[in-house]
PDB file of N, CA and C in Angstrom:
ATOM      1  N   MET A   1      18.727   6.181   3.950  1.00  0.00           N
ATOM      2  CA  MET A   1      17.739   7.175   3.590  1.00  0.00           C
ATOM      3  C   MET A   1      17.391   7.829   4.896  1.00  0.00           C
ATOM      4  N   THR A   2      17.336   9.264   4.920  1.00  0.00           N
ATOM      5  CA  THR A   2      16.906   9.850   6.109  1.00  0.00           C
ATOM      6  C   THR A   2      15.315   9.666   6.391  1.00  0.00           C
ATOM      7  N   GLU A   3      14.857  10.038   7.524  1.00  0.00           N
ATOM      8  CA  GLU A   3      13.535   9.909   7.911  1.00  0.00           C
ATOM      9  C   GLU A   3      12.703  10.801   7.015  1.00  0.00           C
ATOM     10  N   THR A   4      13.154  12.056   6.657  1.00  0.00           N
ATOM     11  CA  THR A   4      12.428  13.036   5.767  1.00  0.00           C
ATOM     12  C   THR A   4      12.212  12.344   4.342  1.00  0.00           C
ATOM     13  N   GLU A   5      13.337  11.709   3.867  1.00  0.00           N
ATOM     14  CA  GLU A   5      13.266  11.026   2.525  1.00  0.00           C
ATOM     15  C   GLU A   5      12.234   9.964   2.599  1.00  0.00           C
ATOM     16  N   TYR A   6      12.366   9.178   3.522  1.00  0.00           N
ATOM     17  CA  TYR A   6      11.424   8.070   3.809  1.00  0.00           C
ATOM     18  C   TYR A   6       9.982   8.585   3.860  1.00  0.00           C
ATOM     19  N   LEU A   7       9.621   9.549   4.590  1.00  0.00           N
ATOM     20  CA  LEU A   7       8.277  10.075   4.655  1.00  0.00           C
ATOM     21  C   LEU A   7       7.902  10.683   3.215  1.00  0.00           C
ATOM     22  N   GLN A   8       8.718  11.273   2.592  1.00  0.00           N
ATOM     23  CA  GLN A   8       8.468  11.724   1.146  1.00  0.00           C
ATOM     24  C   GLN A   8       8.134  10.572   0.239  1.00  0.00           C
ATOM     25  N   GLN A   9       8.783   9.582   0.328  1.00  0.00           N
ATOM     26  CA  GLN A   9       8.624   8.301  -0.541  1.00  0.00           C
ATOM     27  C   GLN A   9       7.350   7.616  -0.178  1.00  0.00           C
ATOM     28  N   THR A  10       6.965   7.557   1.124  1.00  0.00           N
ATOM     29  CA  THR A  10       5.762   6.941   1.458  1.00  0.00           C
ATOM     30  C   THR A  10       4.577   7.770   1.088  1.00  0.00           C
ATOM     31  N   GLN A  11       4.738   9.144   1.181  1.00  0.00           N
ATOM     32  CA  GLN A  11       3.598  10.032   0.759  1.00  0.00           C
ATOM     33  C   GLN A  11       3.375   9.912  -0.652  1.00  0.00           C
ATOM     34  N   THR A  12       4.510   9.803  -1.442  1.00  0.00           N
ATOM     35  CA  THR A  12       4.322   9.689  -2.992  1.00  0.00           C
ATOM     36  C   THR A  12       3.724   8.435  -3.287  1.00  0.00           C
ATOM     37  N   LEU A  13       4.076   7.232  -2.531  1.00  0.00           N
ATOM     38  CA  LEU A  13       3.317   5.982  -2.763  1.00  0.00           C
ATOM     39  C   LEU A  13       1.938   5.996  -2.401  1.00  0.00           C
ATOM     40  N   PHE A  14       1.627   6.523  -1.287  1.00  0.00           N
ATOM     41  CA  PHE A  14       0.194   6.623  -0.783  1.00  0.00           C
ATOM     42  C   PHE A  14      -0.676   7.424  -1.792  1.00  0.00           C
ATOM     43  N   ASN A  15      -0.073   8.593  -2.315  1.00  0.00           N
ATOM     44  CA  ASN A  15      -0.763   9.373  -3.199  1.00  0.00           C
ATOM     45  C   ASN A  15      -1.051   8.605  -4.608  1.00  0.00           C
ATOM     46  N   ALA A  16      -0.001   7.866  -5.008  1.00  0.00           N
ATOM     47  CA  ALA A  16      -0.179   7.016  -6.269  1.00  0.00           C
ATOM     48  C   ALA A  16      -1.272   5.918  -6.018  1.00  0.00           C
ATOM     49  N   VAL A  17      -1.233   5.230  -4.871  1.00  0.00           N
ATOM     50  CA  VAL A  17      -2.202   4.261  -4.588  1.00  0.00           C
ATOM     51  C   VAL A  17      -3.559   4.813  -4.504  1.00  0.00           C
ATOM     52  N   MET A  18      -3.829   5.975  -3.966  1.00  0.00           N
ATOM     53  CA  MET A  18      -5.169   6.579  -3.900  1.00  0.00           C
ATOM     54  C   MET A  18      -5.666   6.940  -5.378  1.00  0.00           C
ATOM     55  N   ALA A  19      -4.782   7.562  -6.067  1.00  0.00           N
ATOM     56  CA  ALA A  19      -5.133   7.876  -7.490  1.00  0.00           C
ATOM     57  C   ALA A  19      -5.432   6.639  -8.259  1.00  0.00           C
ATOM     58  N   HIS A  20      -4.606   5.552  -8.171  1.00  0.00           N
ATOM     59  CA  HIS A  20      -4.774   4.398  -8.963  1.00  0.00           C
ATOM     60  C   HIS A  20      -6.140   3.684  -8.679  1.00  0.00           C
ATOM     61  N   ILE A  21      -6.480   3.525  -7.334  1.00  0.00           N
ATOM     62  CA  ILE A  21      -7.759   2.890  -6.809  1.00  0.00           C
ATOM     63  C   ILE A  21      -8.948   3.816  -7.331  1.00  0.00           C
ATOM     64  N   GLU A  22      -8.904   5.054  -7.036  1.00  0.00           N
ATOM     65  CA  GLU A  22      -9.942   5.950  -7.519  1.00  0.00           C
ATOM     66  C   GLU A  22     -10.143   5.945  -8.963  1.00  0.00           C
ATOM     67  N   HIS A  23      -9.178   5.852  -9.726  1.00  0.00           N
ATOM     68  CA  HIS A  23      -9.299   5.848 -11.239  1.00  0.00           C
ATOM     69  C   HIS A  23      -9.750   4.491 -11.774  1.00  0.00           C
ATOM     70  N   ASP A  24      -9.037   3.404 -11.342  1.00  0.00           N
ATOM     71  CA  ASP A  24      -9.262   1.993 -11.870  1.00  0.00           C
ATOM     72  C   ASP A  24     -10.342   1.182 -11.204  1.00  0.00           C
ATOM     73  N   TYR A  25     -10.606   1.566 -10.059  1.00  0.00           N
ATOM     74  CA  TYR A  25     -11.612   0.776  -9.266  1.00  0.00           C
ATOM     75  C   TYR A  25     -12.636   1.673  -8.530  1.00  0.00           C
ATOM     76  N   PRO A  26     -13.480   2.369  -9.334  1.00  0.00           N
ATOM     77  CA  PRO A  26     -14.358   3.402  -8.692  1.00  0.00           C
ATOM     78  C   PRO A  26     -15.355   2.819  -7.673  1.00  0.00           C
ATOM     79  N   ASP A  27     -15.549   1.348  -7.640  1.00  0.00           N
ATOM     80  CA  ASP A  27     -16.475   0.739  -6.734  1.00  0.00           C
ATOM     81  C   ASP A  27     -15.967   0.601  -5.376  1.00  0.00           C
ATOM     82  N   LEU A  28     -14.499   0.865  -5.226  1.00  0.00           N
ATOM     83  CA  LEU A  28     -13.844   0.590  -4.005  1.00  0.00           C
ATOM     84  C   LEU A  28     -13.785   2.014  -3.399  1.00  0.00           C
ATOM     85  N   ASP A  29     -13.762   2.009  -2.086  1.00  0.00           N
ATOM     86  CA  ASP A  29     -13.717   3.296  -1.338  1.00  0.00           C
ATOM     87  C   ASP A  29     -12.227   3.377  -0.759  1.00  0.00           C
ATOM     88  N   THR A  30     -11.652   4.570  -0.863  1.00  0.00           N
ATOM     89  CA  THR A  30     -10.243   4.872  -0.338  1.00  0.00           C
ATOM     90  C   THR A  30     -10.374   5.906   0.698  1.00  0.00           C
ATOM     91  N   GLN A  31      -9.515   5.743   1.591  1.00  0.00           N
ATOM     92  CA  GLN A  31      -9.458   6.748   2.711  1.00  0.00           C
ATOM     93  C   GLN A  31      -8.009   6.794   3.184  1.00  0.00           C
ATOM     94  N   SER A  32      -7.542   7.960   3.373  1.00  0.00           N
ATOM     95  CA  SER A  32      -6.152   8.182   3.920  1.00  0.00           C
ATOM     96  C   SER A  32      -6.238   8.901   5.171  1.00  0.00           C
ATOM     97  N   GLN A  33      -5.641   8.351   6.272  1.00  0.00           N
ATOM     98  CA  GLN A  33      -5.559   9.140   7.538  1.00  0.00           C
ATOM     99  C   GLN A  33      -4.204   9.090   8.112  1.00  0.00           C
ATOM    100  N   GLY A  34      -3.460  10.143   7.904  1.00  0.00           N
ATOM    101  CA  GLY A  34      -2.151  10.126   8.368  1.00  0.00           C
ATOM    102  C   GLY A  34      -1.250   9.155   7.683  1.00  0.00           C
ATOM    103  N   ALA A  35      -0.765   8.193   8.456  1.00  0.00           N
ATOM    104  CA  ALA A  35       0.193   7.157   7.929  1.00  0.00           C
ATOM    105  C   ALA A  35      -0.553   5.956   7.484  1.00  0.00           C
ATOM    106  N   ILE A  36      -1.753   5.935   7.218  1.00  0.00           N
ATOM    107  CA  ILE A  36      -2.618   4.743   6.879  1.00  0.00           C
ATOM    108  C   ILE A  36      -3.408   5.074   5.623  1.00  0.00           C
ATOM    109  N   VAL A  37      -3.510   4.210   4.662  1.00  0.00           N
ATOM    110  CA  VAL A  37      -4.439   4.290   3.647  1.00  0.00           C
ATOM    111  C   VAL A  37      -5.227   2.986   3.687  1.00  0.00           C
ATOM    112  N   GLU A  38      -6.613   3.155   3.655  1.00  0.00           N
ATOM    113  CA  GLU A  38      -7.508   1.997   3.626  1.00  0.00           C
ATOM    114  C   GLU A  38      -8.298   2.023   2.422  1.00  0.00           C
ATOM    115  N   ILE A  39      -8.456   0.764   1.789  1.00  0.00           N
ATOM    116  CA  ILE A  39      -9.251   0.447   0.662  1.00  0.00           C
ATOM    117  C   ILE A  39     -10.231  -0.504   0.988  1.00  0.00           C
ATOM    118  N   GLU A  40     -11.573  -0.185   0.750  1.00  0.00           N
ATOM    119  CA  GLU A  40     -12.705  -0.949   1.233  1.00  0.00           C
ATOM    120  C   GLU A  40     -13.724  -1.223   0.213  1.00  0.00           C
ATOM    121  N   ASN A  41     -14.177  -2.480   0.157  1.00  0.00           N
ATOM    122  CA  ASN A  41     -15.353  -2.820  -0.734  1.00  0.00           C
ATOM    123  C   ASN A  41     -16.639  -2.630  -0.056  1.00  0.00           C
ATOM    124  N   ASP A  42     -17.823  -2.802  -0.793  1.00  0.00           N
ATOM    125  CA  ASP A  42     -19.121  -2.737  -0.150  1.00  0.00           C
ATOM    126  C   ASP A  42     -19.386  -3.639   0.966  1.00  0.00           C
ATOM    127  N   ASP A  43     -18.687  -4.804   0.925  1.00  0.00           N
ATOM    128  CA  ASP A  43     -18.814  -5.874   1.986  1.00  0.00           C
ATOM    129  C   ASP A  43     -18.124  -5.539   3.263  1.00  0.00           C
ATOM    130  N   GLY A  44     -17.228  -4.464   3.261  1.00  0.00           N
ATOM    131  CA  GLY A  44     -16.488  -4.148   4.474  1.00  0.00           C
ATOM    132  C   GLY A  44     -15.068  -4.806   4.476  1.00  0.00           C
ATOM    133  N   GLN A  45     -14.808  -5.496   3.479  1.00  0.00           N
ATOM    134  CA  GLN A  45     -13.421  -6.149   3.347  1.00  0.00           C
ATOM    135  C   GLN A  45     -12.283  -4.993   3.088  1.00  0.00           C
ATOM    136  N   LYS A  46     -11.235  -4.991   3.655  1.00  0.00           N
ATOM    137  CA  LYS A  46     -10.319  -3.859   3.545  1.00  0.00           C
ATOM    138  C   LYS A  46      -8.995  -4.446   3.149  1.00  0.00           C
ATOM    139  N   ILE A  47      -8.203  -3.529   2.634  1.00  0.00           N
ATOM    140  CA  ILE A  47      -6.665  -3.571   2.433  1.00  0.00           C
ATOM    141  C   ILE A  47      -6.156  -2.345   3.239  1.00  0.00           C
ATOM    142  N   ILE A  48      -5.337  -2.656   4.098  1.00  0.00           N
ATOM    143  CA  ILE A  48      -4.727  -1.463   4.897  1.00  0.00           C
ATOM    144  C   ILE A  48      -3.170  -1.477   4.569  1.00  0.00           C
ATOM    145  N   ILE A  49      -2.805  -0.246   4.136  1.00  0.00           N
ATOM    146  CA  ILE A  49      -1.340   0.067   3.924  1.00  0.00           C
ATOM    147  C   ILE A  49      -0.878   1.168   4.945  1.00  0.00           C
ATOM    148  N   ASN A  50       0.135   0.859   5.540  1.00  0.00           N
ATOM    149  CA  ASN A  50       0.682   1.834   6.549  1.00  0.00           C
ATOM    150  C   ASN A  50       2.190   1.923   6.653  1.00  0.00           C
ATOM    151  N   GLN A  51       2.594   3.070   7.058  1.00  0.00           N
ATOM    152  CA  GLN A  51       3.975   3.480   7.303  1.00  0.00           C
ATOM    153  C   GLN A  51       4.375   2.715   8.569  1.00  0.00           C
ATOM    154  N   GLN A  52       5.749   2.239   8.588  1.00  0.00           N
ATOM    155  CA  GLN A  52       6.296   1.687   9.804  1.00  0.00           C
ATOM    156  C   GLN A  52       7.707   2.547   9.822  1.00  0.00           C
ATOM    157  N   THR A  53       7.574   3.819  10.296  1.00  0.00           N
ATOM    158  CA  THR A  53       8.709   4.647  10.297  1.00  0.00           C
ATOM    159  C   THR A  53       9.883   4.156  10.898  1.00  0.00           C
ATOM    160  N   PRO A  54       9.838   3.587  12.149  1.00  0.00           N
ATOM    161  CA  PRO A  54      11.134   3.059  12.739  1.00  0.00           C
ATOM    162  C   PRO A  54      11.902   2.185  11.913  1.00  0.00           C
ATOM    163  N   MET A  55      11.148   1.351  11.039  1.00  0.00           N
ATOM    164  CA  MET A  55      11.933   0.315  10.240  1.00  0.00           C
ATOM    165  C   MET A  55      12.091   0.774   8.839  1.00  0.00           C
ATOM    166  N   GLN A  56      11.481   2.069   8.569  1.00  0.00           N
ATOM    167  CA  GLN A  56      11.422   2.579   7.189  1.00  0.00           C
ATOM    168  C   GLN A  56      10.834   1.575   6.190  1.00  0.00           C
ATOM    169  N   GLU A  57       9.696   0.967   6.641  1.00  0.00           N
ATOM    170  CA  GLU A  57       9.106   0.028   5.687  1.00  0.00           C
ATOM    171  C   GLU A  57       7.645   0.638   5.578  1.00  0.00           C
ATOM    172  N   VAL A  58       6.929  -0.049   4.500  1.00  0.00           N
ATOM    173  CA  VAL A  58       5.566   0.142   4.264  1.00  0.00           C
ATOM    174  C   VAL A  58       4.898  -1.193   4.400  1.00  0.00           C
ATOM    175  N   TRP A  59       3.798  -1.389   5.211  1.00  0.00           N
ATOM    176  CA  TRP A  59       3.187  -2.652   5.416  1.00  0.00           C
ATOM    177  C   TRP A  59       1.906  -2.680   4.655  1.00  0.00           C
ATOM    178  N   LEU A  60       1.488  -3.830   4.025  1.00  0.00           N
ATOM    179  CA  LEU A  60       0.298  -3.967   3.351  1.00  0.00           C
ATOM    180  C   LEU A  60      -0.348  -5.167   4.002  1.00  0.00           C
ATOM    181  N   ALA A  61      -1.536  -5.037   4.436  1.00  0.00           N
ATOM    182  CA  ALA A  61      -2.439  -6.115   5.096  1.00  0.00           C
ATOM    183  C   ALA A  61      -3.597  -6.348   4.131  1.00  0.00           C
ATOM    184  N   SER A  62      -3.641  -7.626   3.741  1.00  0.00           N
ATOM    185  CA  SER A  62      -4.809  -8.042   2.850  1.00  0.00           C
ATOM    186  C   SER A  62      -5.362  -9.344   3.295  1.00  0.00           C
ATOM    187  N   ARG A  63      -6.367  -9.854   2.593  1.00  0.00           N
ATOM    188  CA  ARG A  63      -7.019 -11.196   2.834  1.00  0.00           C
ATOM    189  C   ARG A  63      -5.987 -12.252   2.846  1.00  0.00           C
ATOM    190  N   SER A  64      -4.984 -12.136   1.988  1.00  0.00           N
ATOM    191  CA  SER A  64      -4.027 -13.205   1.794  1.00  0.00           C
ATOM    192  C   SER A  64      -2.793 -13.104   2.754  1.00  0.00           C
ATOM    193  N   GLY A  65      -2.731 -11.960   3.583  1.00  0.00           N
ATOM    194  CA  GLY A  65      -1.725 -11.879   4.455  1.00  0.00           C
ATOM    195  C   GLY A  65      -1.121 -10.464   4.647  1.00  0.00           C
ATOM    196  N   GLY A  66      -0.098 -10.474   5.400  1.00  0.00           N
ATOM    197  CA  GLY A  66       0.640  -9.110   5.634  1.00  0.00           C
ATOM    198  C   GLY A  66       1.940  -9.156   4.933  1.00  0.00           C
ATOM    199  N   TYR A  67       2.429  -8.047   4.419  1.00  0.00           N
ATOM    200  CA  TYR A  67       3.564  -7.977   3.669  1.00  0.00           C
ATOM    201  C   TYR A  67       4.307  -6.686   4.031  1.00  0.00           C
ATOM    202  N   HIS A  68       5.646  -6.751   4.009  1.00  0.00           N
ATOM    203  CA  HIS A  68       6.496  -5.721   4.380  1.00  0.00           C
ATOM    204  C   HIS A  68       7.363  -5.274   3.105  1.00  0.00           C
ATOM    205  N   PHE A  69       7.462  -3.923   2.898  1.00  0.00           N
ATOM    206  CA  PHE A  69       8.176  -3.367   1.735  1.00  0.00           C
ATOM    207  C   PHE A  69       9.183  -2.363   2.240  1.00  0.00           C
ATOM    208  N   LYS A  70      10.360  -2.455   1.600  1.00  0.00           N
ATOM    209  CA  LYS A  70      11.415  -1.423   1.820  1.00  0.00           C
ATOM    210  C   LYS A  70      11.762  -0.659   0.490  1.00  0.00           C
ATOM    211  N   TRP A  71      12.066   0.571   0.575  1.00  0.00           N
ATOM    212  CA  TRP A  71      12.448   1.316  -0.585  1.00  0.00           C
ATOM    213  C   TRP A  71      13.886   0.926  -0.920  1.00  0.00           C
ATOM    214  N   ASP A  72      14.101   0.547  -2.211  1.00  0.00           N
ATOM    215  CA  ASP A  72      15.392   0.115  -2.683  1.00  0.00           C
ATOM    216  C   ASP A  72      16.138   1.143  -3.538  1.00  0.00           C
ATOM    217  N   GLY A  73      15.592   2.427  -3.574  1.00  0.00           N
ATOM    218  CA  GLY A  73      16.222   3.339  -4.413  1.00  0.00           C
ATOM    219  C   GLY A  73      15.460   3.645  -5.619  1.00  0.00           C
ATOM    220  N   GLY A  74      14.570   2.710  -6.032  1.00  0.00           N
ATOM    221  CA  GLY A  74      13.863   2.881  -7.315  1.00  0.00           C
ATOM    222  C   GLY A  74      12.411   2.327  -7.199  1.00  0.00           C
ATOM    223  N   ALA A  75      12.092   1.535  -6.118  1.00  0.00           N
ATOM    224  CA  ALA A  75      10.715   0.971  -6.055  1.00  0.00           C
ATOM    225  C   ALA A  75      10.626   0.405  -4.488  1.00  0.00           C
ATOM    226  N   TRP A  76       9.384   0.254  -4.139  1.00  0.00           N
ATOM    227  CA  TRP A  76       9.084  -0.497  -2.837  1.00  0.00           C
ATOM    228  C   TRP A  76       8.959  -1.972  -3.214  1.00  0.00           C
ATOM    229  N   VAL A  77       9.798  -2.721  -2.485  1.00  0.00           N
ATOM    230  CA  VAL A  77      10.049  -4.160  -2.765  1.00  0.00           C
ATOM    231  C   VAL A  77       9.803  -4.945  -1.438  1.00  0.00           C
ATOM    232  N   ASN A  78       9.231  -6.104  -1.653  1.00  0.00           N
ATOM    233  CA  ASN A  78       8.923  -7.017  -0.537  1.00  0.00           C
ATOM    234  C   ASN A  78      10.294  -7.488   0.101  1.00  0.00           C
ATOM    235  N   THR A  79      10.216  -7.356   1.476  1.00  0.00           N
ATOM    236  CA  THR A  79      11.501  -7.700   2.138  1.00  0.00           C
ATOM    237  C   THR A  79      11.744  -9.242   2.119  1.00  0.00           C
ATOM    238  N   ARG A  80      10.784 -10.148   1.768  1.00  0.00           N
ATOM    239  CA  ARG A  80      11.119 -11.492   1.602  1.00  0.00           C
ATOM    240  C   ARG A  80      11.497 -12.008   0.316  1.00  0.00           C
ATOM    241  N   ASP A  81      10.742 -11.621  -0.803  1.00  0.00           N
ATOM    242  CA  ASP A  81      10.988 -12.059  -2.098  1.00  0.00           C
ATOM    243  C   ASP A  81      11.532 -11.029  -3.077  1.00  0.00           C
ATOM    244  N   GLY A  82      11.553  -9.804  -2.774  1.00  0.00           N
ATOM    245  CA  GLY A  82      12.047  -8.723  -3.580  1.00  0.00           C
ATOM    246  C   GLY A  82      11.021  -8.315  -4.621  1.00  0.00           C
ATOM    247  N   ALA A  83       9.769  -8.832  -4.624  1.00  0.00           N
ATOM    248  CA  ALA A  83       8.810  -8.532  -5.587  1.00  0.00           C
ATOM    249  C   ALA A  83       8.250  -7.077  -5.304  1.00  0.00           C
ATOM    250  N   ASP A  84       7.711  -6.465  -6.334  1.00  0.00           N
ATOM    251  CA  ASP A  84       7.410  -4.958  -6.244  1.00  0.00           C
ATOM    252  C   ASP A  84       6.031  -4.852  -5.508  1.00  0.00           C
ATOM    253  N   PHE A  85       5.953  -3.808  -4.720  1.00  0.00           N
ATOM    254  CA  PHE A  85       4.660  -3.468  -4.080  1.00  0.00           C
ATOM    255  C   PHE A  85       3.431  -3.576  -4.951  1.00  0.00           C
ATOM    256  N   TRP A  86       3.561  -3.100  -6.126  1.00  0.00           N
ATOM    257  CA  TRP A  86       2.366  -2.985  -7.025  1.00  0.00           C
ATOM    258  C   TRP A  86       1.817  -4.262  -7.333  1.00  0.00           C
ATOM    259  N   SER A  87       2.625  -5.328  -7.499  1.00  0.00           N
ATOM    260  CA  SER A  87       2.093  -6.646  -7.809  1.00  0.00           C
ATOM    261  C   SER A  87       1.337  -7.082  -6.596  1.00  0.00           C
ATOM    262  N   TYR A  88       1.736  -6.960  -5.414  1.00  0.00           N
ATOM    263  CA  TYR A  88       0.940  -7.325  -4.292  1.00  0.00           C
ATOM    264  C   TYR A  88      -0.256  -6.540  -4.083  1.00  0.00           C
ATOM    265  N   LEU A  89      -0.222  -5.302  -4.387  1.00  0.00           N
ATOM    266  CA  LEU A  89      -1.405  -4.487  -4.367  1.00  0.00           C
ATOM    267  C   LEU A  89      -2.473  -4.976  -5.283  1.00  0.00           C
ATOM    268  N   GLN A  90      -2.060  -5.255  -6.528  1.00  0.00           N
ATOM    269  CA  GLN A  90      -2.995  -5.829  -7.560  1.00  0.00           C
ATOM    270  C   GLN A  90      -3.746  -7.118  -7.093  1.00  0.00           C
ATOM    271  N   THR A  91      -2.965  -7.911  -6.497  1.00  0.00           N
ATOM    272  CA  THR A  91      -3.551  -9.209  -6.001  1.00  0.00           C
ATOM    273  C   THR A  91      -4.448  -8.946  -4.810  1.00  0.00           C
ATOM    274  N   ALA A  92      -4.119  -8.019  -3.914  1.00  0.00           N
ATOM    275  CA  ALA A  92      -4.977  -7.762  -2.842  1.00  0.00           C
ATOM    276  C   ALA A  92      -6.277  -7.084  -3.350  1.00  0.00           C
ATOM    277  N   VAL A  93      -6.163  -6.213  -4.342  1.00  0.00           N
ATOM    278  CA  VAL A  93      -7.417  -5.708  -4.844  1.00  0.00           C
ATOM    279  C   VAL A  93      -8.306  -6.673  -5.544  1.00  0.00           C
ATOM    280  N   ALA A  94      -7.687  -7.553  -6.317  1.00  0.00           N
ATOM    281  CA  ALA A  94      -8.527  -8.681  -6.952  1.00  0.00           C
ATOM    282  C   ALA A  94      -9.150  -9.439  -5.980  1.00  0.00           C
ATOM    283  N   GLU A  95      -8.614  -9.698  -4.709  1.00  0.00           N
ATOM    284  CA  GLU A  95      -9.266 -10.459  -3.709  1.00  0.00           C
ATOM    285  C   GLU A  95     -10.576  -9.787  -3.083  1.00  0.00           C
ATOM    286  N   ILE A  96     -10.623  -8.466  -3.198  1.00  0.00           N
ATOM    287  CA  ILE A  96     -11.854  -7.780  -2.604  1.00  0.00           C
ATOM    288  C   ILE A  96     -12.656  -7.157  -3.666  1.00  0.00           C
ATOM    289  N   ASN A  97     -12.220  -7.088  -4.842  1.00  0.00           N
ATOM    290  CA  ASN A  97     -13.077  -6.497  -5.929  1.00  0.00           C
ATOM    291  C   ASN A  97     -13.711  -7.530  -6.766  1.00  0.00           C
ATOM    292  N   VAL A  98     -14.650  -8.328  -6.174  1.00  0.00           N
ATOM    293  CA  VAL A  98     -15.370  -9.387  -6.803  1.00  0.00           C
ATOM    294  C   VAL A  98     -16.805  -8.974  -7.091  1.00  0.00           C
TER     295      VAL A  98
END
């Protein structure tokens, strides 16, 4: 994948994450600043999603840990277990949306 394609895929993902959180979790705040999306609850707990352009990965940091995802041509998948990004995001949101 070219760097341009990578940046397009990450922007598409970030837009989808922002829309999903704003629609399904109105009590959580979302903020996008360049290559980073932050999701925060009222207690200040955060989920941080960011681009790692040199490795063409997306990283997700949450209470349960940090995870790396690569584009496989159809989805962002975890580099360790092949699981989909969205399953990890759902878990991370459940941890802070209490």
